N, C-alpha and C. Protein backbone atom coordinates (compact mmCIF):
# COMPACT_ATOMS: atom_id res chain seq x y z
N MET A 1 32.84 61.68 18.99
CA MET A 1 32.78 60.97 20.31
C MET A 1 33.78 59.80 20.35
N SER A 2 34.54 59.71 21.34
CA SER A 2 35.63 58.69 21.42
C SER A 2 35.03 57.49 22.11
N THR A 3 35.63 56.23 21.65
CA THR A 3 35.16 54.95 22.21
C THR A 3 36.03 54.54 23.33
N SER A 4 35.51 54.15 24.40
CA SER A 4 36.20 53.77 25.55
C SER A 4 36.88 52.46 25.32
N PRO A 5 38.02 52.21 26.03
CA PRO A 5 38.64 50.87 25.94
C PRO A 5 37.67 49.67 26.35
N HIS A 6 36.84 49.89 27.24
CA HIS A 6 35.84 48.86 27.66
C HIS A 6 34.93 48.52 26.60
N GLN A 7 34.46 49.55 25.74
CA GLN A 7 33.52 49.30 24.74
C GLN A 7 34.32 48.55 23.53
N ARG A 8 35.54 48.93 23.25
CA ARG A 8 36.36 48.20 22.32
C ARG A 8 36.46 46.76 22.66
N ARG A 9 36.82 46.47 23.89
CA ARG A 9 36.96 45.08 24.33
C ARG A 9 35.73 44.29 24.20
N ALA A 10 34.58 44.99 24.51
CA ALA A 10 33.23 44.36 24.45
C ALA A 10 32.88 44.00 22.94
N PHE A 11 33.24 44.93 22.06
CA PHE A 11 32.96 44.69 20.69
C PHE A 11 33.77 43.54 20.12
N ARG A 12 35.16 43.51 20.52
CA ARG A 12 35.97 42.43 20.04
C ARG A 12 35.41 41.12 20.59
N GLY A 13 34.94 41.06 21.79
CA GLY A 13 34.40 39.80 22.41
C GLY A 13 33.17 39.37 21.67
N ASP A 14 32.33 40.30 21.41
CA ASP A 14 31.10 39.96 20.63
C ASP A 14 31.38 39.47 19.21
N ALA A 15 32.43 40.03 18.59
CA ALA A 15 32.79 39.52 17.21
C ALA A 15 33.34 38.15 17.25
N ARG A 16 34.22 37.84 18.29
CA ARG A 16 34.73 36.55 18.43
C ARG A 16 33.58 35.52 18.70
N PHE A 17 32.62 36.01 19.45
CA PHE A 17 31.47 35.10 19.73
C PHE A 17 30.76 34.71 18.45
N PHE A 18 30.36 35.74 17.65
CA PHE A 18 29.63 35.40 16.38
C PHE A 18 30.51 34.60 15.36
N VAL A 19 31.86 34.87 15.24
CA VAL A 19 32.63 34.12 14.50
C VAL A 19 32.72 32.53 14.87
N GLY A 20 32.67 32.36 16.22
CA GLY A 20 32.68 30.97 16.72
C GLY A 20 31.33 30.35 16.38
N ILE A 21 30.28 31.01 16.43
CA ILE A 21 28.94 30.46 16.10
C ILE A 21 28.94 30.12 14.59
N ALA A 22 29.52 31.07 13.76
CA ALA A 22 29.54 30.72 12.37
C ALA A 22 30.38 29.51 12.04
N LEU A 23 31.55 29.30 12.74
CA LEU A 23 32.48 28.17 12.56
C LEU A 23 31.74 26.91 12.94
N VAL A 24 31.04 26.96 14.03
CA VAL A 24 30.29 25.73 14.39
C VAL A 24 29.28 25.42 13.48
N ALA A 25 28.60 26.41 12.94
CA ALA A 25 27.50 26.07 11.95
C ALA A 25 28.03 25.49 10.70
N LEU A 26 29.20 26.05 10.30
CA LEU A 26 29.85 25.49 9.05
C LEU A 26 30.31 24.08 9.35
N SER A 27 30.95 23.82 10.50
CA SER A 27 31.37 22.45 10.81
C SER A 27 30.17 21.43 10.83
N VAL A 28 29.07 21.82 11.44
CA VAL A 28 27.97 20.92 11.46
C VAL A 28 27.35 20.72 10.08
N GLY A 29 27.33 21.71 9.28
CA GLY A 29 26.85 21.70 7.92
C GLY A 29 27.77 20.70 7.04
N GLY A 30 29.06 20.83 7.29
CA GLY A 30 30.01 19.99 6.51
C GLY A 30 29.81 18.55 6.84
N VAL A 31 29.69 18.34 8.19
CA VAL A 31 29.56 16.83 8.65
C VAL A 31 28.22 16.28 8.08
N TRP A 32 27.16 17.11 8.05
CA TRP A 32 25.91 16.61 7.51
C TRP A 32 25.96 16.36 6.08
N THR A 33 26.72 17.20 5.31
CA THR A 33 26.82 17.00 3.87
C THR A 33 27.63 15.77 3.58
N LEU A 34 28.66 15.60 4.41
CA LEU A 34 29.58 14.33 4.21
C LEU A 34 28.69 13.08 4.46
N LEU A 35 27.94 13.02 5.59
CA LEU A 35 27.13 11.96 5.84
C LEU A 35 26.09 11.68 4.80
N SER A 36 25.49 12.71 4.30
CA SER A 36 24.47 12.57 3.21
C SER A 36 25.03 11.95 1.99
N SER A 37 26.19 12.39 1.64
CA SER A 37 26.81 11.94 0.41
C SER A 37 27.37 10.49 0.58
N ALA A 38 27.66 10.12 1.86
CA ALA A 38 28.17 8.80 2.08
C ALA A 38 27.06 7.77 2.12
N ASP A 39 25.88 8.23 2.27
CA ASP A 39 24.71 7.26 2.40
C ASP A 39 24.11 7.06 1.01
N GLY A 40 24.83 6.24 0.16
CA GLY A 40 24.46 6.08 -1.20
C GLY A 40 23.69 4.73 -1.35
N THR A 41 23.13 4.18 -0.35
CA THR A 41 22.50 2.83 -0.45
C THR A 41 21.15 2.95 -1.21
N ARG A 42 20.89 1.78 -1.81
CA ARG A 42 19.63 1.72 -2.63
C ARG A 42 19.24 0.25 -2.59
N PRO A 43 17.90 -0.02 -2.69
CA PRO A 43 17.41 -1.40 -2.65
C PRO A 43 17.95 -2.24 -3.81
N ALA A 44 18.20 -3.48 -3.55
CA ALA A 44 18.63 -4.44 -4.53
C ALA A 44 18.04 -5.87 -4.25
N LEU A 45 17.94 -6.73 -5.21
CA LEU A 45 17.52 -8.01 -5.02
C LEU A 45 18.60 -9.04 -4.70
N GLN A 46 18.38 -9.83 -3.66
CA GLN A 46 19.37 -10.83 -3.29
C GLN A 46 18.66 -12.24 -3.32
N ALA A 47 19.28 -13.18 -3.99
CA ALA A 47 18.69 -14.45 -4.12
C ALA A 47 18.67 -15.29 -2.76
N THR A 48 17.58 -15.78 -2.39
CA THR A 48 17.44 -16.50 -1.09
C THR A 48 17.76 -18.01 -1.31
N ARG A 49 17.90 -18.44 -2.52
CA ARG A 49 18.28 -19.84 -2.83
C ARG A 49 19.01 -19.88 -4.07
N THR A 50 19.67 -21.01 -4.42
CA THR A 50 20.33 -21.09 -5.73
C THR A 50 19.28 -21.17 -6.81
N ILE A 51 19.48 -20.33 -7.84
CA ILE A 51 18.56 -20.31 -8.96
C ILE A 51 19.37 -20.69 -10.17
N VAL A 52 18.86 -21.70 -10.86
CA VAL A 52 19.59 -22.17 -12.00
C VAL A 52 18.97 -21.71 -13.32
N PRO A 53 19.70 -21.77 -14.42
CA PRO A 53 19.13 -21.28 -15.68
C PRO A 53 17.92 -21.95 -16.04
N GLY A 54 16.94 -21.18 -16.62
CA GLY A 54 15.64 -21.67 -17.04
C GLY A 54 14.58 -21.66 -15.88
N GLU A 55 15.01 -21.48 -14.64
CA GLU A 55 13.99 -21.36 -13.54
C GLU A 55 13.35 -20.04 -13.55
N SER A 56 12.15 -20.03 -13.24
CA SER A 56 11.39 -18.75 -12.96
C SER A 56 11.85 -18.06 -11.66
N ILE A 57 11.90 -16.76 -11.78
CA ILE A 57 12.23 -15.97 -10.62
C ILE A 57 11.08 -15.13 -10.25
N SER A 58 10.65 -15.33 -8.94
CA SER A 58 9.54 -14.61 -8.39
C SER A 58 10.00 -13.96 -7.09
N ALA A 59 9.02 -13.15 -6.47
CA ALA A 59 9.34 -12.49 -5.19
C ALA A 59 9.65 -13.52 -4.14
N ASP A 60 9.22 -14.66 -4.29
CA ASP A 60 9.55 -15.68 -3.23
C ASP A 60 10.94 -16.12 -3.27
N ASP A 61 11.66 -15.91 -4.35
CA ASP A 61 13.08 -16.42 -4.54
C ASP A 61 14.10 -15.29 -4.17
N VAL A 62 13.62 -14.09 -3.78
CA VAL A 62 14.63 -12.97 -3.50
C VAL A 62 14.16 -12.21 -2.29
N ALA A 63 15.10 -11.50 -1.76
CA ALA A 63 14.85 -10.61 -0.70
C ALA A 63 15.37 -9.19 -1.08
N VAL A 64 14.70 -8.20 -0.49
CA VAL A 64 15.13 -6.80 -0.78
C VAL A 64 16.20 -6.40 0.28
N VAL A 65 17.40 -5.93 -0.14
CA VAL A 65 18.42 -5.60 0.70
C VAL A 65 18.90 -4.17 0.38
N GLU A 66 19.36 -3.34 1.40
CA GLU A 66 19.94 -2.05 1.05
C GLU A 66 21.47 -2.12 0.98
N VAL A 67 22.01 -1.76 -0.16
CA VAL A 67 23.38 -1.91 -0.40
C VAL A 67 23.88 -0.66 -1.10
N ASP A 68 25.22 -0.34 -0.88
CA ASP A 68 25.92 0.69 -1.58
C ASP A 68 26.78 0.18 -2.66
N LEU A 69 26.34 0.34 -3.84
CA LEU A 69 27.05 -0.27 -5.07
C LEU A 69 27.76 0.70 -5.87
N GLY A 70 27.58 2.00 -5.44
CA GLY A 70 28.36 3.00 -6.20
C GLY A 70 28.00 3.14 -7.68
N ALA A 71 29.05 3.08 -8.45
CA ALA A 71 28.92 3.13 -9.90
C ALA A 71 28.33 1.85 -10.48
N LEU A 72 28.29 0.76 -9.67
CA LEU A 72 27.81 -0.55 -10.23
C LEU A 72 26.30 -0.66 -9.91
N ALA A 73 25.63 0.38 -9.39
CA ALA A 73 24.21 0.19 -8.95
C ALA A 73 23.33 -0.28 -10.06
N ASP A 74 23.54 0.17 -11.27
CA ASP A 74 22.70 -0.18 -12.42
C ASP A 74 22.95 -1.65 -12.89
N ASP A 75 23.90 -2.27 -12.41
CA ASP A 75 24.33 -3.61 -12.90
C ASP A 75 23.42 -4.70 -12.11
N TYR A 76 22.73 -4.26 -11.13
CA TYR A 76 21.90 -5.29 -10.35
C TYR A 76 20.49 -4.87 -10.31
N LEU A 77 19.58 -5.87 -10.21
CA LEU A 77 18.15 -5.68 -10.19
C LEU A 77 17.73 -4.94 -8.91
N GLN A 78 16.75 -4.03 -9.12
CA GLN A 78 16.05 -3.42 -8.08
C GLN A 78 14.64 -4.06 -8.07
N PRO A 79 13.96 -3.91 -6.91
CA PRO A 79 12.62 -4.52 -6.74
C PRO A 79 11.66 -4.24 -7.96
N HIS A 80 11.72 -2.98 -8.52
CA HIS A 80 10.78 -2.72 -9.60
C HIS A 80 11.25 -3.32 -10.94
N ASP A 81 12.41 -3.86 -10.98
CA ASP A 81 12.96 -4.51 -12.18
C ASP A 81 12.47 -5.97 -12.41
N LEU A 82 11.96 -6.58 -11.34
CA LEU A 82 11.54 -7.96 -11.43
C LEU A 82 10.14 -8.10 -12.08
N VAL A 83 10.06 -8.55 -13.33
CA VAL A 83 8.87 -8.62 -14.04
C VAL A 83 8.18 -9.99 -14.05
N GLU A 84 6.99 -10.08 -14.26
CA GLU A 84 6.32 -11.35 -14.34
C GLU A 84 6.80 -12.05 -15.57
N GLY A 85 7.04 -13.37 -15.33
CA GLY A 85 7.65 -14.17 -16.41
C GLY A 85 9.14 -14.28 -16.46
N ALA A 86 9.82 -13.56 -15.55
CA ALA A 86 11.23 -13.49 -15.55
C ALA A 86 11.88 -14.87 -15.28
N VAL A 87 12.80 -15.28 -15.91
CA VAL A 87 13.54 -16.61 -15.73
C VAL A 87 15.04 -16.32 -15.66
N ALA A 88 15.80 -17.24 -14.97
CA ALA A 88 17.18 -17.02 -14.86
C ALA A 88 17.91 -17.39 -16.12
N GLY A 89 18.81 -16.62 -16.59
CA GLY A 89 19.66 -16.91 -17.79
C GLY A 89 20.90 -17.53 -17.51
N ARG A 90 21.27 -17.50 -16.14
CA ARG A 90 22.50 -18.12 -15.66
C ARG A 90 22.24 -18.45 -14.18
N THR A 91 23.23 -19.12 -13.62
CA THR A 91 23.09 -19.55 -12.25
C THR A 91 23.29 -18.27 -11.29
N VAL A 92 22.43 -18.18 -10.33
CA VAL A 92 22.55 -17.13 -9.26
C VAL A 92 22.61 -17.82 -7.91
N GLY A 93 23.71 -17.72 -7.25
CA GLY A 93 23.91 -18.46 -6.00
C GLY A 93 23.16 -17.91 -4.88
N ALA A 94 22.82 -18.68 -3.93
CA ALA A 94 22.05 -18.22 -2.75
C ALA A 94 22.87 -17.13 -2.03
N GLY A 95 22.24 -16.01 -1.71
CA GLY A 95 22.93 -14.92 -1.11
C GLY A 95 23.57 -13.91 -2.01
N GLU A 96 23.51 -14.28 -3.33
CA GLU A 96 24.17 -13.39 -4.36
C GLU A 96 23.16 -12.34 -4.70
N LEU A 97 23.69 -11.12 -4.95
CA LEU A 97 22.81 -10.06 -5.62
C LEU A 97 22.53 -10.45 -6.96
N VAL A 98 21.23 -10.15 -7.43
CA VAL A 98 20.87 -10.72 -8.79
C VAL A 98 21.30 -9.68 -9.82
N PRO A 99 22.28 -10.11 -10.71
CA PRO A 99 22.71 -9.19 -11.80
C PRO A 99 21.61 -8.87 -12.66
N ALA A 100 21.66 -7.69 -13.37
CA ALA A 100 20.60 -7.27 -14.26
C ALA A 100 20.60 -8.19 -15.48
N ASP A 101 21.80 -8.68 -15.85
CA ASP A 101 21.88 -9.49 -17.11
C ASP A 101 21.74 -10.98 -16.86
N ALA A 102 21.22 -11.33 -15.63
CA ALA A 102 21.19 -12.71 -15.26
C ALA A 102 19.75 -13.20 -15.52
N THR A 103 18.88 -12.35 -15.96
CA THR A 103 17.44 -12.74 -16.20
C THR A 103 17.05 -12.47 -17.66
N THR A 104 16.11 -13.32 -18.03
CA THR A 104 15.54 -13.21 -19.43
C THR A 104 14.05 -13.42 -19.21
N THR A 105 13.28 -13.67 -20.35
CA THR A 105 11.91 -13.92 -20.24
C THR A 105 11.64 -15.39 -20.79
N SER A 106 10.51 -15.93 -20.43
CA SER A 106 10.13 -17.21 -20.81
C SER A 106 10.13 -17.38 -22.38
N ASP A 107 9.82 -16.32 -23.05
CA ASP A 107 9.74 -16.34 -24.59
C ASP A 107 11.13 -16.50 -25.13
N ASP A 108 12.19 -16.03 -24.39
CA ASP A 108 13.54 -16.10 -24.98
C ASP A 108 14.31 -17.31 -24.48
N ARG A 109 13.66 -18.23 -23.62
CA ARG A 109 14.28 -19.36 -22.99
C ARG A 109 14.59 -20.46 -24.08
N ARG A 110 15.85 -20.83 -24.09
CA ARG A 110 16.21 -21.93 -25.13
C ARG A 110 16.68 -23.13 -24.34
N SER A 111 16.41 -23.21 -23.05
CA SER A 111 16.92 -24.32 -22.31
C SER A 111 15.71 -25.29 -21.78
N THR A 112 16.09 -26.44 -21.46
CA THR A 112 15.10 -27.30 -20.78
C THR A 112 15.81 -28.18 -19.83
N THR A 113 15.11 -29.05 -19.12
CA THR A 113 15.77 -30.01 -18.16
C THR A 113 15.58 -31.37 -18.55
N ILE A 114 16.50 -32.21 -18.20
CA ILE A 114 16.39 -33.65 -18.53
C ILE A 114 17.08 -34.40 -17.37
N VAL A 115 16.57 -35.53 -17.03
CA VAL A 115 17.04 -36.36 -15.98
C VAL A 115 17.99 -37.48 -16.44
N VAL A 116 19.24 -37.55 -16.02
CA VAL A 116 20.11 -38.65 -16.49
C VAL A 116 20.53 -39.38 -15.23
N GLU A 117 20.87 -40.60 -15.35
CA GLU A 117 21.41 -41.37 -14.31
C GLU A 117 22.89 -41.58 -14.43
N SER A 118 23.69 -41.11 -13.39
CA SER A 118 25.04 -41.26 -13.37
C SER A 118 25.51 -42.61 -12.88
N SER A 119 26.08 -43.48 -13.77
CA SER A 119 26.35 -44.77 -13.31
C SER A 119 27.63 -44.89 -12.36
N THR A 120 28.28 -43.80 -12.24
CA THR A 120 29.42 -43.83 -11.34
C THR A 120 29.23 -43.12 -10.06
N GLY A 121 27.99 -42.77 -9.76
CA GLY A 121 27.78 -42.00 -8.53
C GLY A 121 28.13 -40.56 -8.72
N LEU A 122 28.08 -39.81 -7.63
CA LEU A 122 28.38 -38.35 -7.69
C LEU A 122 29.28 -37.92 -6.53
N PRO A 123 30.30 -37.12 -6.83
CA PRO A 123 30.96 -36.51 -5.75
C PRO A 123 30.07 -35.66 -4.88
N GLN A 124 30.41 -35.55 -3.67
CA GLN A 124 29.65 -34.76 -2.68
C GLN A 124 29.58 -33.25 -3.09
N SER A 125 30.52 -32.80 -3.86
CA SER A 125 30.68 -31.40 -4.26
C SER A 125 29.60 -30.99 -5.23
N ILE A 126 28.96 -31.97 -5.89
CA ILE A 126 27.99 -31.65 -6.85
C ILE A 126 26.57 -31.45 -6.25
N GLY A 127 25.97 -30.41 -6.53
CA GLY A 127 24.63 -29.99 -5.97
C GLY A 127 23.95 -29.04 -6.88
N PRO A 128 22.78 -28.54 -6.52
CA PRO A 128 22.12 -27.60 -7.34
C PRO A 128 22.99 -26.36 -7.71
N GLY A 129 23.08 -26.02 -8.84
CA GLY A 129 23.89 -24.92 -9.29
C GLY A 129 25.25 -25.27 -9.75
N SER A 130 25.72 -26.52 -9.54
CA SER A 130 27.03 -26.94 -9.93
C SER A 130 27.09 -27.05 -11.48
N THR A 131 28.26 -26.68 -12.05
CA THR A 131 28.48 -26.95 -13.40
C THR A 131 29.27 -28.23 -13.63
N VAL A 132 28.69 -29.10 -14.48
CA VAL A 132 29.26 -30.40 -14.69
C VAL A 132 29.41 -30.80 -16.13
N GLU A 133 30.06 -31.96 -16.42
CA GLU A 133 30.13 -32.55 -17.79
C GLU A 133 29.42 -33.92 -17.69
N VAL A 134 28.88 -34.30 -18.80
CA VAL A 134 28.35 -35.60 -18.90
C VAL A 134 29.13 -36.43 -19.96
N TRP A 135 29.65 -37.52 -19.59
CA TRP A 135 30.36 -38.48 -20.41
C TRP A 135 29.59 -39.62 -20.72
N GLN A 136 29.68 -40.19 -21.93
CA GLN A 136 28.98 -41.40 -22.26
C GLN A 136 29.96 -42.48 -22.74
N ALA A 137 29.70 -43.70 -22.33
CA ALA A 137 30.44 -44.86 -22.93
C ALA A 137 29.44 -45.77 -23.69
N PRO A 138 29.43 -45.66 -24.93
CA PRO A 138 28.46 -46.50 -25.80
C PRO A 138 28.67 -47.96 -25.55
N PRO A 139 27.62 -48.82 -25.69
CA PRO A 139 27.77 -50.24 -25.53
C PRO A 139 28.46 -50.80 -26.75
N LEU A 140 29.29 -51.80 -26.53
CA LEU A 140 29.96 -52.53 -27.64
C LEU A 140 28.97 -53.58 -28.20
N ASP A 141 29.34 -54.12 -29.32
CA ASP A 141 28.40 -55.04 -29.98
C ASP A 141 28.02 -56.34 -29.22
N ASP A 142 28.91 -56.68 -28.35
CA ASP A 142 28.62 -57.90 -27.58
C ASP A 142 27.59 -57.72 -26.47
N GLY A 143 27.28 -56.41 -26.20
CA GLY A 143 26.21 -56.03 -25.24
C GLY A 143 26.64 -56.21 -23.80
N ARG A 144 27.97 -56.69 -23.48
CA ARG A 144 28.27 -56.90 -22.20
C ARG A 144 29.41 -55.79 -21.68
N ARG A 145 29.95 -55.11 -22.63
CA ARG A 145 30.97 -54.15 -22.27
C ARG A 145 30.61 -52.78 -22.99
N HIS A 146 31.37 -51.77 -22.51
CA HIS A 146 31.19 -50.43 -23.03
C HIS A 146 32.49 -49.85 -23.70
N ASP A 147 32.30 -49.05 -24.59
CA ASP A 147 33.41 -48.42 -25.38
C ASP A 147 34.06 -47.34 -24.47
N VAL A 148 35.16 -46.83 -24.98
CA VAL A 148 35.85 -45.77 -24.24
C VAL A 148 34.94 -44.53 -24.08
N PRO A 149 34.85 -43.95 -22.80
CA PRO A 149 33.96 -42.87 -22.60
C PRO A 149 34.39 -41.64 -23.46
N ARG A 150 33.41 -40.90 -23.87
CA ARG A 150 33.58 -39.63 -24.71
C ARG A 150 32.58 -38.63 -24.18
N LEU A 151 32.94 -37.30 -24.35
CA LEU A 151 32.23 -36.15 -23.81
C LEU A 151 30.90 -36.07 -24.56
N LEU A 152 29.78 -36.07 -23.84
CA LEU A 152 28.48 -35.86 -24.38
C LEU A 152 28.05 -34.43 -24.18
N LEU A 153 28.10 -33.85 -22.98
CA LEU A 153 27.75 -32.49 -22.71
C LEU A 153 28.78 -31.83 -21.92
N GLY A 154 29.10 -30.67 -22.25
CA GLY A 154 30.05 -29.89 -21.50
C GLY A 154 29.44 -28.61 -20.79
N ASP A 155 29.87 -28.32 -19.59
CA ASP A 155 29.43 -27.12 -18.89
C ASP A 155 27.95 -26.94 -18.87
N VAL A 156 27.26 -27.90 -18.30
CA VAL A 156 25.84 -27.82 -18.09
C VAL A 156 25.61 -27.68 -16.52
N VAL A 157 24.49 -27.19 -16.22
CA VAL A 157 24.12 -26.87 -14.72
C VAL A 157 23.24 -27.85 -14.19
N VAL A 158 23.56 -28.25 -12.90
CA VAL A 158 22.62 -29.15 -12.24
C VAL A 158 21.48 -28.38 -11.63
N GLU A 159 20.32 -28.80 -11.86
CA GLU A 159 19.08 -28.23 -11.11
C GLU A 159 18.77 -29.00 -9.82
N SER A 160 18.81 -30.34 -9.82
CA SER A 160 18.60 -31.07 -8.61
C SER A 160 19.23 -32.41 -8.66
N VAL A 161 19.43 -33.05 -7.53
CA VAL A 161 20.08 -34.31 -7.38
C VAL A 161 19.18 -35.26 -6.54
N VAL A 162 19.01 -36.49 -7.15
CA VAL A 162 18.17 -37.48 -6.40
C VAL A 162 19.16 -38.69 -6.20
N VAL A 163 19.56 -38.93 -4.92
CA VAL A 163 20.41 -40.06 -4.69
C VAL A 163 19.49 -41.22 -4.13
N PRO A 164 19.34 -42.37 -4.86
CA PRO A 164 18.53 -43.41 -4.36
C PRO A 164 19.05 -44.14 -3.11
N GLU A 165 18.11 -44.62 -2.36
CA GLU A 165 18.52 -45.31 -1.17
C GLU A 165 18.66 -46.78 -1.44
N GLY A 166 19.45 -47.53 -0.67
CA GLY A 166 19.65 -48.96 -0.89
C GLY A 166 21.11 -49.26 -1.13
N VAL A 167 21.32 -50.55 -1.56
CA VAL A 167 22.73 -51.07 -1.74
C VAL A 167 23.48 -50.36 -2.78
N LEU A 168 22.78 -49.94 -3.85
CA LEU A 168 23.50 -49.14 -4.94
C LEU A 168 23.51 -47.76 -4.85
N ALA A 169 23.12 -47.13 -3.73
CA ALA A 169 23.05 -45.77 -3.48
C ALA A 169 24.31 -44.92 -3.73
N GLU A 170 25.45 -45.65 -3.46
CA GLU A 170 26.70 -44.93 -3.73
C GLU A 170 27.19 -45.06 -5.23
N GLU A 171 26.55 -46.04 -5.92
CA GLU A 171 27.04 -46.23 -7.29
C GLU A 171 26.22 -45.52 -8.35
N THR A 172 25.00 -45.11 -8.08
CA THR A 172 24.17 -44.38 -9.04
C THR A 172 23.50 -43.23 -8.45
N ALA A 173 23.07 -42.27 -9.23
CA ALA A 173 22.49 -41.07 -8.82
C ALA A 173 21.77 -40.44 -9.95
N GLU A 174 20.56 -39.95 -9.75
CA GLU A 174 19.79 -39.31 -10.84
C GLU A 174 20.01 -37.80 -10.75
N VAL A 175 20.29 -37.13 -11.85
CA VAL A 175 20.62 -35.81 -11.84
C VAL A 175 19.73 -35.04 -12.81
N GLU A 176 19.08 -34.01 -12.34
CA GLU A 176 18.32 -33.26 -13.36
C GLU A 176 19.21 -32.07 -13.82
N LEU A 177 19.40 -31.99 -15.09
CA LEU A 177 20.37 -31.03 -15.75
C LEU A 177 19.65 -30.06 -16.53
N VAL A 178 20.11 -28.81 -16.58
CA VAL A 178 19.60 -27.84 -17.48
C VAL A 178 20.44 -27.82 -18.74
N ILE A 179 19.83 -28.18 -19.87
CA ILE A 179 20.61 -28.29 -21.15
C ILE A 179 19.93 -27.43 -22.21
N ASP A 180 20.63 -27.06 -23.22
CA ASP A 180 20.14 -26.43 -24.44
C ASP A 180 19.20 -27.42 -25.12
N ARG A 181 18.14 -26.85 -25.73
CA ARG A 181 17.21 -27.67 -26.35
C ARG A 181 17.77 -28.41 -27.54
N SER A 182 18.89 -27.84 -28.17
CA SER A 182 19.55 -28.49 -29.32
C SER A 182 20.31 -29.78 -28.86
N ASP A 183 20.51 -29.95 -27.64
CA ASP A 183 21.27 -31.11 -27.13
C ASP A 183 20.37 -32.25 -26.70
N VAL A 184 18.98 -32.06 -26.73
CA VAL A 184 18.06 -33.00 -26.19
C VAL A 184 18.17 -34.31 -27.01
N ALA A 185 18.22 -34.26 -28.39
CA ALA A 185 18.21 -35.37 -29.19
C ALA A 185 19.50 -36.34 -28.86
N ASP A 186 20.63 -35.72 -28.72
CA ASP A 186 21.84 -36.49 -28.50
C ASP A 186 21.80 -37.17 -27.09
N VAL A 187 21.21 -36.50 -26.15
CA VAL A 187 21.17 -37.09 -24.80
C VAL A 187 20.09 -38.28 -24.76
N LEU A 188 19.05 -38.07 -25.47
CA LEU A 188 18.07 -39.19 -25.50
C LEU A 188 18.48 -40.37 -26.29
N ALA A 189 19.29 -40.06 -27.35
CA ALA A 189 19.91 -41.14 -28.08
C ALA A 189 20.83 -41.98 -27.34
N ALA A 190 21.65 -41.26 -26.39
CA ALA A 190 22.64 -42.01 -25.60
C ALA A 190 21.85 -42.83 -24.65
N ILE A 191 20.88 -42.32 -24.03
CA ILE A 191 20.07 -43.03 -22.97
C ILE A 191 19.41 -44.30 -23.54
N THR A 192 18.62 -44.03 -24.64
CA THR A 192 17.94 -45.18 -25.29
C THR A 192 18.75 -46.23 -25.92
N GLY A 193 20.07 -45.74 -26.25
CA GLY A 193 20.95 -46.67 -26.80
C GLY A 193 21.78 -47.44 -25.89
N GLY A 194 21.55 -47.31 -24.63
CA GLY A 194 22.23 -48.05 -23.62
C GLY A 194 23.55 -47.61 -23.16
N ALA A 195 23.93 -46.39 -23.49
CA ALA A 195 25.27 -45.84 -23.08
C ALA A 195 25.29 -45.70 -21.58
N ALA A 196 26.46 -45.93 -20.94
CA ALA A 196 26.67 -45.72 -19.55
C ALA A 196 27.05 -44.19 -19.37
N LEU A 197 26.30 -43.43 -18.62
CA LEU A 197 26.49 -42.04 -18.53
C LEU A 197 27.22 -41.71 -17.18
N SER A 198 28.10 -40.78 -17.13
CA SER A 198 28.82 -40.41 -16.00
C SER A 198 28.75 -38.85 -15.83
N VAL A 199 28.35 -38.38 -14.72
CA VAL A 199 28.32 -36.95 -14.41
C VAL A 199 29.40 -36.47 -13.46
N VAL A 200 30.33 -35.68 -14.05
CA VAL A 200 31.51 -35.25 -13.21
C VAL A 200 31.64 -33.72 -13.16
N PRO A 201 32.23 -33.23 -12.12
CA PRO A 201 32.47 -31.82 -12.02
C PRO A 201 33.33 -31.33 -13.14
N VAL A 202 33.19 -30.18 -13.62
CA VAL A 202 34.03 -29.59 -14.60
C VAL A 202 35.54 -29.61 -14.28
N GLY A 203 36.39 -30.09 -15.07
CA GLY A 203 37.82 -30.10 -14.72
C GLY A 203 38.32 -31.36 -14.13
N ILE A 204 37.39 -32.26 -13.70
CA ILE A 204 37.82 -33.56 -13.08
C ILE A 204 38.13 -34.66 -14.08
N ALA A 205 37.26 -34.72 -15.13
CA ALA A 205 37.46 -35.78 -16.13
C ALA A 205 38.69 -35.60 -17.03
C-alpha cells in the first residue's frame, strides 16, 4: 500500500509537534534543576548585639537567618549548634554571623572582667567590643607626681563603658574590661598602688 503525500505531511507535522513538546519539557526541567541547585541557603545564627569574650550566648543574643555560604557553611553556627552554657571566645559584632570557632564553654573560660578608671578620659571610638591597651604611670616617691607611663595590658576587649556625669566627665571614665585571669594580680596591684591608668585604642599610644 502506498502512502499519500497528505499522509506523509501529516506524519511529519505530528513528529515536529512531539519534538517541540519534548524540547519544552527539557527546557523546563533544566531551569528547575538550575534553580534548585542555586538555592543553597541554610539557617545560620547572626548576633543581634556585640558579644564580647567571656559573655554567655543564648537564643536572646542571636537571630536565625537564611544565608548561602557555599563551601563555608560549616564555618558558622546553625541553630542546633547553640548549646547551653556557650560563651564567646572572641568578639562577635552586632549583625555578624557567629563563627563556629567563636564559642567555647564556661568550663573552658579563662577570662574575667575588671573595672578600671581611665584618668585621661576615652575617645568616642571606644565602646563595647573595642580592642584597647591599658597603660599605667606608677606614682613617684614624693606622692605628687607619676612616673613615665608603661604598658600594663595589651589587646584587651571592652565589655562596657560608664562615663560619669559632672565637671570631670570628660577627664575620667570607668571601663569594664575582659582580661585573662593571669593578669588580674598585676591590674589590682596597679590600682591599689595608686598608678594612673589610661585606656587607649590599640595603635594610638
